[in-house]
Amino acid sequence: MTFLVTGTVLAGMIAAVLIDYRVQRRTLRRLRLGHSDPRGRV
C-alpha cells in the first residue's frame, strides 16, 4: 500500500515538473522572439 502511494506521488511530481518545464520553454521562446535578449545588449 505504501509503495502504491509513493509511486503515485512520484509520478505526479514528475508529471508536474515535465509540464512546468515545457511551459517555461514555451514562455522563454516567446519572450526571446518578442524582444531581443537584454543580456546580448550589454
PDB file of N, CA and C in Angstrom:
ATOM      1  N   MET A   1       0.841  -1.199   0.000  1.00  0.00           N
ATOM      2  CA  MET A   1       0.000   0.000   0.000  1.00  0.00           C
ATOM      3  C   MET A   1       0.879   1.252   0.000  1.00  0.00           C
ATOM      4  N   THR A   2       1.895   1.259   0.855  1.00  0.00           N
ATOM      5  CA  THR A   2       2.766   2.431   0.920  1.00  0.00           C
ATOM      6  C   THR A   2       3.503   2.618  -0.397  1.00  0.00           C
ATOM      7  N   PHE A   3       3.892   1.500  -1.017  1.00  0.00           N
ATOM      8  CA  PHE A   3       4.599   1.581  -2.292  1.00  0.00           C
ATOM      9  C   PHE A   3       3.706   2.224  -3.351  1.00  0.00           C
ATOM     10  N   LEU A   4       2.419   1.871  -3.330  1.00  0.00           N
ATOM     11  CA  LEU A   4       1.485   2.449  -4.302  1.00  0.00           C
ATOM     12  C   LEU A   4       1.385   3.957  -4.111  1.00  0.00           C
ATOM     13  N   VAL A   5       1.265   4.381  -2.858  1.00  0.00           N
ATOM     14  CA  VAL A   5       1.144   5.819  -2.579  1.00  0.00           C
ATOM     15  C   VAL A   5       2.413   6.544  -3.017  1.00  0.00           C
ATOM     16  N   THR A   6       3.567   5.971  -2.695  1.00  0.00           N
ATOM     17  CA  THR A   6       4.832   6.615  -3.065  1.00  0.00           C
ATOM     18  C   THR A   6       4.960   6.713  -4.581  1.00  0.00           C
ATOM     19  N   GLY A   7       4.600   5.637  -5.278  1.00  0.00           N
ATOM     20  CA  GLY A   7       4.676   5.641  -6.739  1.00  0.00           C
ATOM     21  C   GLY A   7       3.763   6.699  -7.338  1.00  0.00           C
ATOM     22  N   THR A   8       2.561   6.820  -6.780  1.00  0.00           N
ATOM     23  CA  THR A   8       1.614   7.814  -7.305  1.00  0.00           C
ATOM     24  C   THR A   8       2.145   9.224  -7.091  1.00  0.00           C
ATOM     25  N   VAL A   9       2.694   9.476  -5.898  1.00  0.00           N
ATOM     26  CA  VAL A   9       3.229  10.813  -5.601  1.00  0.00           C
ATOM     27  C   VAL A   9       4.401  11.128  -6.521  1.00  0.00           C
ATOM     28  N   LEU A  10       5.297  10.154  -6.713  1.00  0.00           N
ATOM     29  CA  LEU A  10       6.454  10.382  -7.582  1.00  0.00           C
ATOM     30  C   LEU A  10       5.997  10.647  -9.010  1.00  0.00           C
ATOM     31  N   ALA A  11       5.035   9.867  -9.490  1.00  0.00           N
ATOM     32  CA  ALA A  11       4.533  10.055 -10.854  1.00  0.00           C
ATOM     33  C   ALA A  11       3.925  11.449 -10.999  1.00  0.00           C
ATOM     34  N   GLY A  12       3.183  11.887  -9.996  1.00  0.00           N
ATOM     35  CA  GLY A  12       2.572  13.219 -10.051  1.00  0.00           C
ATOM     36  C   GLY A  12       3.626  14.310 -10.069  1.00  0.00           C
ATOM     37  N   MET A  13       4.670  14.142  -9.259  1.00  0.00           N
ATOM     38  CA  MET A  13       5.737  15.143  -9.207  1.00  0.00           C
ATOM     39  C   MET A  13       6.467  15.220 -10.545  1.00  0.00           C
ATOM     40  N   ILE A  14       6.767  14.046 -11.121  1.00  0.00           N
ATOM     41  CA  ILE A  14       7.472  14.021 -12.405  1.00  0.00           C
ATOM     42  C   ILE A  14       6.617  14.677 -13.484  1.00  0.00           C
ATOM     43  N   ALA A  15       5.319  14.363 -13.495  1.00  0.00           N
ATOM     44  CA  ALA A  15       4.423  14.952 -14.496  1.00  0.00           C
ATOM     45  C   ALA A  15       4.379  16.467 -14.329  1.00  0.00           C
ATOM     46  N   ALA A  16       4.296  16.942 -13.085  1.00  0.00           N
ATOM     47  CA  ALA A  16       4.234  18.384 -12.840  1.00  0.00           C
ATOM     48  C   ALA A  16       5.524  19.057 -13.305  1.00  0.00           C
ATOM     49  N   VAL A  17       6.668  18.425 -13.042  1.00  0.00           N
ATOM     50  CA  VAL A  17       7.952  19.005 -13.449  1.00  0.00           C
ATOM     51  C   VAL A  17       8.042  19.070 -14.970  1.00  0.00           C
ATOM     52  N   LEU A  18       7.617  17.990 -15.644  1.00  0.00           N
ATOM     53  CA  LEU A  18       7.678  17.972 -17.107  1.00  0.00           C
ATOM     54  C   LEU A  18       6.780  19.045 -17.693  1.00  0.00           C
ATOM     55  N   ILE A  19       5.560  19.168 -17.172  1.00  0.00           N
ATOM     56  CA  ILE A  19       4.625  20.177 -17.683  1.00  0.00           C
ATOM     57  C   ILE A  19       5.194  21.570 -17.435  1.00  0.00           C
ATOM     58  N   ASP A  20       5.726  21.802 -16.235  1.00  0.00           N
ATOM     59  CA  ASP A  20       6.281  23.113 -15.904  1.00  0.00           C
ATOM     60  C   ASP A  20       7.458  23.433 -16.823  1.00  0.00           C
ATOM     61  N   TYR A  21       8.302  22.419 -17.104  1.00  0.00           N
ATOM     62  CA  TYR A  21       9.463  22.622 -17.966  1.00  0.00           C
ATOM     63  C   TYR A  21       9.030  23.028 -19.372  1.00  0.00           C
ATOM     64  N   ARG A  22       8.000  22.329 -19.887  1.00  0.00           N
ATOM     65  CA  ARG A  22       7.519  22.642 -21.235  1.00  0.00           C
ATOM     66  C   ARG A  22       6.930  24.044 -21.285  1.00  0.00           C
ATOM     67  N   VAL A  23       6.178  24.418 -20.261  1.00  0.00           N
ATOM     68  CA  VAL A  23       5.561  25.751 -20.234  1.00  0.00           C
ATOM     69  C   VAL A  23       6.643  26.825 -20.165  1.00  0.00           C
ATOM     70  N   GLN A  24       7.674  26.590 -19.347  1.00  0.00           N
ATOM     71  CA  GLN A  24       8.749  27.575 -19.224  1.00  0.00           C
ATOM     72  C   GLN A  24       9.489  27.730 -20.545  1.00  0.00           C
ATOM     73  N   ARG A  25       9.759  26.611 -21.236  1.00  0.00           N
ATOM     74  CA  ARG A  25      10.458  26.690 -22.518  1.00  0.00           C
ATOM     75  C   ARG A  25       9.639  27.494 -23.514  1.00  0.00           C
ATOM     76  N   ARG A  26       8.325  27.238 -23.532  1.00  0.00           N
ATOM     77  CA  ARG A  26       7.458  27.945 -24.476  1.00  0.00           C
ATOM     78  C   ARG A  26       7.450  29.445 -24.157  1.00  0.00           C
ATOM     79  N   THR A  27       7.399  29.780 -22.856  1.00  0.00           N
ATOM     80  CA  THR A  27       7.367  31.189 -22.455  1.00  0.00           C
ATOM     81  C   THR A  27       8.694  31.864 -22.787  1.00  0.00           C
ATOM     82  N   LEU A  28       9.808  31.176 -22.519  1.00  0.00           N
ATOM     83  CA  LEU A  28      11.119  31.758 -22.808  1.00  0.00           C
ATOM     84  C   LEU A  28      11.268  31.999 -24.302  1.00  0.00           C
ATOM     85  N   ARG A  29      10.805  31.038 -25.119  1.00  0.00           N
ATOM     86  CA  ARG A  29      10.917  31.183 -26.568  1.00  0.00           C
ATOM     87  C   ARG A  29      10.082  32.374 -27.035  1.00  0.00           C
ATOM     88  N   ARG A  30       8.888  32.536 -26.466  1.00  0.00           N
ATOM     89  CA  ARG A  30       8.014  33.641 -26.866  1.00  0.00           C
ATOM     90  C   ARG A  30       8.658  34.978 -26.483  1.00  0.00           C
ATOM     91  N   LEU A  31       9.254  35.029 -25.271  1.00  0.00           N
ATOM     92  CA  LEU A  31       9.891  36.272 -24.833  1.00  0.00           C
ATOM     93  C   LEU A  31      11.092  36.590 -25.719  1.00  0.00           C
ATOM     94  N   ARG A  32      11.857  35.558 -26.066  1.00  0.00           N
ATOM     95  CA  ARG A  32      13.054  35.768 -26.878  1.00  0.00           C
ATOM     96  C   ARG A  32      12.666  36.259 -28.274  1.00  0.00           C
ATOM     97  N   LEU A  33      11.548  35.728 -28.807  1.00  0.00           N
ATOM     98  CA  LEU A  33      11.104  36.151 -30.132  1.00  0.00           C
ATOM     99  C   LEU A  33      10.470  37.536 -30.062  1.00  0.00           C
ATOM    100  N   GLY A  34       9.785  37.830 -28.954  1.00  0.00           N
ATOM    101  CA  GLY A  34       9.086  39.109 -28.815  1.00  0.00           C
ATOM    102  C   GLY A  34      10.049  40.281 -28.832  1.00  0.00           C
ATOM    103  N   HIS A  35      11.094  40.243 -28.020  1.00  0.00           N
ATOM    104  CA  HIS A  35      12.074  41.325 -27.992  1.00  0.00           C
ATOM    105  C   HIS A  35      13.445  40.740 -27.676  1.00  0.00           C
ATOM    106  N   SER A  36      14.489  41.364 -28.222  1.00  0.00           N
ATOM    107  CA  SER A  36      15.838  40.816 -28.089  1.00  0.00           C
ATOM    108  C   SER A  36      16.222  40.659 -26.623  1.00  0.00           C
ATOM    109  N   ASP A  37      17.110  39.708 -26.375  1.00  0.00           N
ATOM    110  CA  ASP A  37      17.547  39.419 -25.012  1.00  0.00           C
ATOM    111  C   ASP A  37      18.384  40.583 -24.476  1.00  0.00           C
ATOM    112  N   PRO A  38      18.029  41.147 -23.320  1.00  0.00           N
ATOM    113  CA  PRO A  38      18.810  42.267 -22.764  1.00  0.00           C
ATOM    114  C   PRO A  38      20.259  41.893 -22.488  1.00  0.00           C
ATOM    115  N   ARG A  39      20.515  40.600 -22.207  1.00  0.00           N
ATOM    116  CA  ARG A  39      21.888  40.184 -21.908  1.00  0.00           C
ATOM    117  C   ARG A  39      22.782  40.353 -23.133  1.00  0.00           C
ATOM    118  N   GLY A  40      22.204  40.170 -24.331  1.00  0.00           N
ATOM    119  CA  GLY A  40      23.011  40.298 -25.543  1.00  0.00           C
ATOM    120  C   GLY A  40      23.379  41.750 -25.815  1.00  0.00           C
ATOM    121  N   ARG A  41      22.618  42.685 -25.248  1.00  0.00           N
ATOM    122  CA  ARG A  41      22.855  44.107 -25.486  1.00  0.00           C
ATOM    123  C   ARG A  41      24.015  44.612 -24.639  1.00  0.00           C
ATOM    124  N   VAL A  42      24.190  44.033 -23.457  1.00  0.00           N
ATOM    125  CA  VAL A  42      25.236  44.510 -22.538  1.00  0.00           C
ATOM    126  C   VAL A  42      26.617  44.199 -23.111  1.00  0.00           C
TER     127      VAL A  42
END
